[in-house]
C-alpha atoms as a PDB file:
ATOM      1  CA  MET A   1     -20.715 -22.400   0.384  1.00  0.00           C
ATOM      2  CA  ALA A   2     -23.265 -23.707  -2.113  1.00  0.00           C
ATOM      3  CA  TYR A   3     -22.994 -26.659  -4.479  1.00  0.00           C
ATOM      4  CA  SER A   4     -25.049 -27.094  -7.631  1.00  0.00           C
ATOM      5  CA  VAL A   5     -24.872 -29.566 -10.505  1.00  0.00           C
ATOM      6  CA  ASN A   6     -25.809 -28.400 -14.007  1.00  0.00           C
ATOM      7  CA  THR A   7     -26.873 -30.523 -16.975  1.00  0.00           C
ATOM      8  CA  GLN A   8     -23.267 -31.003 -18.102  1.00  0.00           C
ATOM      9  CA  THR A   9     -22.566 -32.728 -14.761  1.00  0.00           C
ATOM     10  CA  THR A  10     -20.050 -30.215 -13.551  1.00  0.00           C
ATOM     11  CA  LEU A  11     -19.861 -29.297  -9.925  1.00  0.00           C
ATOM     12  CA  LEU A  12     -19.894 -25.586  -9.271  1.00  0.00           C
ATOM     13  CA  LEU A  13     -18.487 -24.328  -6.019  1.00  0.00           C
ATOM     14  CA  GLU A  14     -19.600 -20.819  -5.204  1.00  0.00           C
ATOM     15  CA  GLN A  15     -18.150 -18.864  -2.372  1.00  0.00           C
ATOM     16  CA  GLN A  16     -18.442 -15.103  -1.909  1.00  0.00           C
ATOM     17  CA  ASN A  17     -19.280 -14.440  -5.570  1.00  0.00           C
ATOM     18  CA  GLU A  18     -16.261 -16.382  -6.830  1.00  0.00           C
ATOM     19  CA  GLY A  19     -16.824 -19.609  -8.710  1.00  0.00           C
ATOM     20  CA  VAL A  20     -14.581 -22.618  -9.070  1.00  0.00           C
ATOM     21  CA  VAL A  21     -15.688 -25.185 -11.618  1.00  0.00           C
ATOM     22  CA  MET A  22     -14.598 -28.825 -11.360  1.00  0.00           C
ATOM     23  CA  THR A  23     -15.582 -31.740 -13.553  1.00  0.00           C
ATOM     24  CA  ASP A  24     -17.046 -34.795 -11.836  1.00  0.00           C
ATOM     25  CA  ASP A  25     -13.654 -36.530 -12.038  1.00  0.00           C
ATOM     26  CA  GLN A  26     -11.898 -33.587 -10.384  1.00  0.00           C
ATOM     27  CA  ALA A  27     -14.580 -33.344  -7.722  1.00  0.00           C
ATOM     28  CA  ASN A  28     -14.142 -37.025  -6.843  1.00  0.00           C
ATOM     29  CA  ASP A  29     -10.342 -36.676  -6.662  1.00  0.00           C
ATOM     30  CA  ALA A  30     -10.365 -33.419  -4.697  1.00  0.00           C
ATOM     31  CA  ASP A  31      -9.225 -33.818  -1.112  1.00  0.00           C
ATOM     32  CA  PRO A  32     -10.557 -31.061   1.138  1.00  0.00           C
ATOM     33  CA  ARG A  33      -7.365 -31.368   3.154  1.00  0.00           C
ATOM     34  CA  ASP A  34      -5.270 -30.182   0.177  1.00  0.00           C
ATOM     35  CA  THR A  35      -5.927 -26.595   1.248  1.00  0.00           C
ATOM     36  CA  ILE A  36      -6.549 -24.778   4.482  1.00  0.00           C
ATOM     37  CA  GLU A  37      -7.826 -21.315   5.256  1.00  0.00           C
ATOM     38  CA  LEU A  38      -5.729 -18.989   7.387  1.00  0.00           C
ATOM     39  CA  PHE A  39      -6.575 -15.629   8.884  1.00  0.00           C
ATOM     40  CA  VAL A  40      -3.458 -13.560   8.160  1.00  0.00           C
ATOM     41  CA  HIS A  41      -2.999 -10.394  10.250  1.00  0.00           C
ATOM     42  CA  ARG A  42      -0.641  -7.665   8.951  1.00  0.00           C
ATOM     43  CA  PRO A  43       0.087  -3.997   9.690  1.00  0.00           C
ATOM     44  CA  THR A  44      -1.774  -2.823   6.580  1.00  0.00           C
ATOM     45  CA  GLU A  45      -4.922  -0.831   5.949  1.00  0.00           C
ATOM     46  CA  HIS A  46      -7.075  -3.968   5.853  1.00  0.00           C
ATOM     47  CA  ARG A  47      -5.216  -5.632   8.783  1.00  0.00           C
ATOM     48  CA  ILE A  48      -6.652  -9.108   8.171  1.00  0.00           C
ATOM     49  CA  GLU A  49      -7.265 -11.323   5.182  1.00  0.00           C
ATOM     50  CA  ILE A  50      -8.513 -14.857   4.781  1.00  0.00           C
ATOM     51  CA  ARG A  51      -6.245 -16.922   2.569  1.00  0.00           C
ATOM     52  CA  GLU A  52      -6.951 -20.332   1.122  1.00  0.00           C
ATOM     53  CA  ILE A  53      -3.565 -21.971   0.729  1.00  0.00           C
ATOM     54  CA  GLN A  54      -2.153 -25.219  -0.567  1.00  0.00           C
ATOM     55  CA  ARG A  55      -0.704 -27.396   2.187  1.00  0.00           C
ATOM     56  CA  THR A  56       2.245 -28.426  -0.015  1.00  0.00           C
ATOM     57  CA  ILE A  57       3.839 -24.976  -0.428  1.00  0.00           C
ATOM     58  CA  THR A  58       6.168 -23.350   2.092  1.00  0.00           C
ATOM     59  CA  VAL A  59       4.768 -21.129   4.790  1.00  0.00           C
ATOM     60  CA  ALA A  60       6.787 -18.217   3.349  1.00  0.00           C
ATOM     61  CA  GLU A  61       5.056 -18.695  -0.022  1.00  0.00           C
ATOM     62  CA  ALA A  62       1.642 -19.122   1.577  1.00  0.00           C
ATOM     63  CA  LEU A  63       1.989 -15.896   3.547  1.00  0.00           C
ATOM     64  CA  ASP A  64       3.747 -14.006   0.732  1.00  0.00           C
ATOM     65  CA  LEU A  65       6.406 -12.767   3.145  1.00  0.00           C
ATOM     66  CA  ALA A  66       8.461  -9.689   2.253  1.00  0.00           C
ATOM     67  CA  ASP A  67      12.107  -9.253   3.271  1.00  0.00           C
ATOM     68  CA  GLY A  68      12.401  -8.946   7.045  1.00  0.00           C
ATOM     69  CA  GLU A  69       8.898 -10.198   7.797  1.00  0.00           C
ATOM     70  CA  ARG A  70       8.343 -13.057  10.218  1.00  0.00           C
ATOM     71  CA  ALA A  71       5.250 -14.963  11.290  1.00  0.00           C
ATOM     72  CA  TRP A  72       3.808 -15.925  14.683  1.00  0.00           C
ATOM     73  CA  LEU A  73       0.809 -17.825  15.916  1.00  0.00           C
ATOM     74  CA  GLU A  74      -1.851 -15.615  17.477  1.00  0.00           C
ATOM     75  CA  GLU A  75      -1.448 -14.858  21.183  1.00  0.00           C
ATOM     76  CA  THR A  76       1.894 -16.644  21.375  1.00  0.00           C
ATOM     77  CA  GLU A  77       5.534 -15.828  20.991  1.00  0.00           C
ATOM     78  CA  THR A  78       5.955 -18.961  18.913  1.00  0.00           C
ATOM     79  CA  GLU A  79       7.635 -17.969  15.682  1.00  0.00           C
ATOM     80  CA  ILE A  80       6.623 -20.141  12.758  1.00  0.00           C
ATOM     81  CA  ASP A  81       9.379 -21.806  10.724  1.00  0.00           C
ATOM     82  CA  VAL A  82       8.558 -20.344   7.310  1.00  0.00           C
ATOM     83  CA  THR A  83      10.969 -22.634   5.426  1.00  0.00           C
ATOM     84  CA  VAL A  84       8.832 -25.749   5.901  1.00  0.00           C
ATOM     85  CA  THR A  85       5.631 -26.657   4.085  1.00  0.00           C
ATOM     86  CA  VAL A  86       2.269 -25.686   5.504  1.00  0.00           C
ATOM     87  CA  VAL A  87       1.519 -29.326   6.388  1.00  0.00           C
ATOM     88  CA  GLU A  88       4.904 -29.677   8.162  1.00  0.00           C
ATOM     89  CA  SER A  89       4.278 -26.482  10.144  1.00  0.00           C
ATOM     90  CA  ASN A  90       1.096 -27.920  11.689  1.00  0.00           C
ATOM     91  CA  LEU A  91      -0.833 -24.714  10.994  1.00  0.00           C
ATOM     92  CA  GLU A  92      -4.488 -25.325  11.724  1.00  0.00           C
ATOM     93  CA  HIS A  93      -7.373 -24.753   9.341  1.00  0.00           C
ATOM     94  CA  ARG A  94      -8.884 -21.318  10.087  1.00  0.00           C
ATOM     95  CA  GLY A  95      -5.994 -20.527  12.418  1.00  0.00           C
ATOM     96  CA  HIS A  96      -4.715 -16.995  12.995  1.00  0.00           C
ATOM     97  CA  VAL A  97      -1.190 -16.005  11.972  1.00  0.00           C
ATOM     98  CA  HIS A  98       0.411 -12.611  12.542  1.00  0.00           C
ATOM     99  CA  VAL A  99       2.959 -11.335  10.004  1.00  0.00           C
ATOM    100  CA  ASN A 100       5.214  -8.445  10.948  1.00  0.00           C
ATOM    101  CA  ARG A 101       8.801  -7.262  10.985  1.00  0.00           C
ATOM    102  CA  CYS A 102       8.477  -6.378  14.694  1.00  0.00           C
ATOM    103  CA  HIS A 103       8.691  -9.151  17.260  1.00  0.00           C
ATOM    104  CA  GLU A 104       7.751  -6.822  20.096  1.00  0.00           C
ATOM    105  CA  VAL A 105       5.713  -3.632  20.144  1.00  0.00           C
ATOM    106  CA  ILE A 106       6.374  -0.842  22.648  1.00  0.00           C
ATOM    107  CA  THR A 107       2.869   0.186  23.628  1.00  0.00           C
ATOM    108  CA  LYS A 108       2.081   3.496  25.299  1.00  0.00           C
ATOM    109  CA  VAL A 109      -1.329   4.099  26.851  1.00  0.00           C
ATOM    110  CA  THR A 110      -2.376   7.510  28.167  1.00  0.00           C
ATOM    111  CA  TYR A 111      -5.179   8.012  30.665  1.00  0.00           C
ATOM    112  CA  ASN A 112      -6.070  11.328  32.365  1.00  0.00           C
ATOM    113  CA  GLY A 113      -2.796  12.857  31.182  1.00  0.00           C
ATOM    114  CA  VAL A 114      -0.618  10.042  32.574  1.00  0.00           C
ATOM    115  CA  ALA A 115       1.252   7.758  30.146  1.00  0.00           C
ATOM    116  CA  LYS A 116       2.419   4.207  30.848  1.00  0.00           C
ATOM    117  CA  GLU A 117       4.407   1.886  28.592  1.00  0.00           C
ATOM    118  CA  HIS A 118       4.501  -1.862  28.279  1.00  0.00           C
ATOM    119  CA  THR A 119       6.038  -4.165  25.693  1.00  0.00           C
ATOM    120  CA  PHE A 120       3.758  -6.707  24.052  1.00  0.00           C
ATOM    121  CA  HIS A 121       4.457  -9.403  21.524  1.00  0.00           C
ATOM    122  CA  SER A 122       3.335  -8.422  18.026  1.00  0.00           C
ATOM    123  CA  ALA A 123       0.645 -11.150  17.878  1.00  0.00           C
ATOM    124  CA  THR A 124      -1.014 -10.062  21.138  1.00  0.00           C
ATOM    125  CA  ARG A 125      -4.674  -9.147  20.801  1.00  0.00           C
ATOM    126  CA  ILE A 126      -5.932  -5.679  21.771  1.00  0.00           C
ATOM    127  CA  GLU A 127      -8.083  -7.329  24.432  1.00  0.00           C
ATOM    128  CA  ARG A 128      -4.941  -8.244  26.378  1.00  0.00           C
ATOM    129  CA  VAL A 129      -3.518  -4.723  26.011  1.00  0.00           C
ATOM    130  CA  PHE A 130      -6.785  -3.309  27.371  1.00  0.00           C
ATOM    131  CA  GLU A 131      -6.740  -5.755  30.291  1.00  0.00           C
ATOM    132  CA  TRP A 132      -3.218  -4.583  31.154  1.00  0.00           C
ATOM    133  CA  ALA A 133      -4.196  -0.909  30.859  1.00  0.00           C
ATOM    134  CA  VAL A 134      -7.135  -1.190  33.276  1.00  0.00           C
ATOM    135  CA  SER A 135      -5.362  -3.548  35.718  1.00  0.00           C
ATOM    136  CA  LYS A 136      -3.259  -2.691  38.773  1.00  0.00           C
ATOM    137  CA  ARG A 137      -0.156  -2.787  36.540  1.00  0.00           C
ATOM    138  CA  GLY A 138      -1.771  -0.139  34.344  1.00  0.00           C
ATOM    139  CA  PHE A 139      -4.181   2.510  35.633  1.00  0.00           C
ATOM    140  CA  ASN A 140      -6.031   0.407  38.239  1.00  0.00           C
ATOM    141  CA  LEU A 141      -9.558   1.158  37.047  1.00  0.00           C
ATOM    142  CA  THR A 142     -12.505  -0.292  38.910  1.00  0.00           C
ATOM    143  CA  PRO A 143     -14.415  -2.975  36.995  1.00  0.00           C
ATOM    144  CA  THR A 144     -17.240  -0.468  36.428  1.00  0.00           C
ATOM    145  CA  ASP A 145     -14.865   2.208  35.100  1.00  0.00           C
ATOM    146  CA  ALA A 146     -13.122  -0.348  32.895  1.00  0.00           C
ATOM    147  CA  THR A 147     -16.390  -1.271  31.166  1.00  0.00           C
ATOM    148  CA  GLU A 148     -16.922   2.393  30.314  1.00  0.00           C
ATOM    149  CA  HIS A 149     -13.567   2.815  28.519  1.00  0.00           C
ATOM    150  CA  VAL A 150     -11.932   1.690  25.302  1.00  0.00           C
ATOM    151  CA  LEU A 151      -8.511   1.975  23.657  1.00  0.00           C
ATOM    152  CA  GLN A 152      -8.240   4.538  20.866  1.00  0.00           C
ATOM    153  CA  ILE A 153      -5.180   5.073  18.671  1.00  0.00           C
ATOM    154  CA  THR A 154      -3.650   8.413  19.613  1.00  0.00           C
ATOM    155  CA  GLY A 155      -4.421  11.205  17.177  1.00  0.00           C
ATOM    156  CA  THR A 156      -7.233   9.264  15.462  1.00  0.00           C
ATOM    157  CA  THR A 157     -10.791   8.140  16.073  1.00  0.00           C
ATOM    158  CA  ILE A 158      -9.811   4.499  15.484  1.00  0.00           C
ATOM    159  CA  GLN A 159     -10.865   2.202  18.307  1.00  0.00           C
ATOM    160  CA  PRO A 160      -9.475  -1.240  17.422  1.00  0.00           C
ATOM    161  CA  ASP A 161     -11.552  -4.348  17.852  1.00  0.00           C
ATOM    162  CA  VAL A 162     -10.513  -6.477  20.841  1.00  0.00           C
ATOM    163  CA  HIS A 163      -9.554  -9.292  18.443  1.00  0.00           C
ATOM    164  CA  ASP A 164      -7.117  -7.168  16.396  1.00  0.00           C
ATOM    165  CA  HIS A 165      -3.414  -7.774  16.940  1.00  0.00           C
ATOM    166  CA  ILE A 166      -1.324  -4.994  18.461  1.00  0.00           C
ATOM    167  CA  GLY A 167       1.261  -5.457  15.689  1.00  0.00           C
ATOM    168  CA  SER A 168      -1.384  -4.606  13.089  1.00  0.00           C
ATOM    169  CA  PHE A 169      -1.141  -0.947  14.126  1.00  0.00           C
ATOM    170  CA  VAL A 170       2.649  -0.598  13.897  1.00  0.00           C
ATOM    171  CA  ARG A 171       3.847   1.665  11.098  1.00  0.00           C
ATOM    172  CA  GLU A 172       7.430   2.969  10.906  1.00  0.00           C
ATOM    173  CA  HIS A 173       8.716   1.948  14.313  1.00  0.00           C
ATOM    174  CA  CYS A 174       7.867  -1.014  16.507  1.00  0.00           C
ATOM    175  CA  SER A 175       5.594   1.080  18.719  1.00  0.00           C
ATOM    176  CA  VAL A 176       2.027   2.257  18.998  1.00  0.00           C
ATOM    177  CA  SER A 177       0.258   4.779  21.215  1.00  0.00           C
ATOM    178  CA  PHE A 178      -3.289   4.681  22.571  1.00  0.00           C
ATOM    179  CA  GLY A 179      -5.532   6.784  24.718  1.00  0.00           C
ATOM    180  CA  LEU A 180      -7.778   5.058  27.238  1.00  0.00           C
ATOM    181  CA  VAL A 181     -10.956   7.002  26.484  1.00  0.00           C
ATOM    182  CA  PRO A 182     -14.611   6.848  27.522  1.00  0.00           C
ATOM    183  CA  LYS A 183     -16.893   4.837  25.249  1.00  0.00           C
ATOM    184  CA  ILE A 184     -19.202   6.974  23.191  1.00  0.00           C
ATOM    185  CA  ARG A 185     -22.642   6.887  24.738  1.00  0.00           C
ATOM    186  CA  PRO A 186     -25.596   7.473  22.468  1.00  0.00           C
ATOM    187  CA  GLN A 187     -27.698  10.401  23.629  1.00  0.00           C
ATOM    188  CA  GLY A 188     -31.377  10.196  23.171  1.00  0.00           C
END
C-alpha cells in the first residue's frame, strides 16, 4: 500500500494497480475499521479471493451467497450467522471464511490400490486430510514415507496446497477423491 499527495492535496491510495482517490476531508473522516479484508474460499476455479467488505452490511451480502450456500470459519464447524452484519458476526480482519453448499465432504484417499474414506468438514484444510491419510487411522506411513508423499486429486495432476480447504474441490456431490502419491523428485 502506498500513499502519495499531489499538488491538489488529494490522497491517493494505490493497492495492486487499483487507485482510490479521497479528498483531504474524506481522508480525515475515513475510519480504517469501516472495512475489513476476508479471505473467501469457494469451490470455484480460483478457490480463494480476498474481499474488502464494509462492516455494516450483512455477512450474506459481503460473501455474495447464492441459494443453498452457507459459510463457516476456517478449520471449524462453526457456521456463521449470515443474517447479521459483519461487525455483529465478529469476523476478524484477514480472517478465512469457507463458503459452500456442503457441510461435510466424503473424502476418499487411495494408496497402493487400497482406498479409505473419511468425512471432513468443508472448511478443513488439506493439511489435516493429509495428516489423517498418513496416520494410523489412514495408511500408517512412517514419518519418512509421509514426507515423500502428497495428496493429488484423482484423475488430475492437481496437488492442492496444504492451506486449501477440502470443500474447495467439491463439484457436483459433497465428495472428493485423492491419491496419496510420491512427490515429484527433480532428476539431475
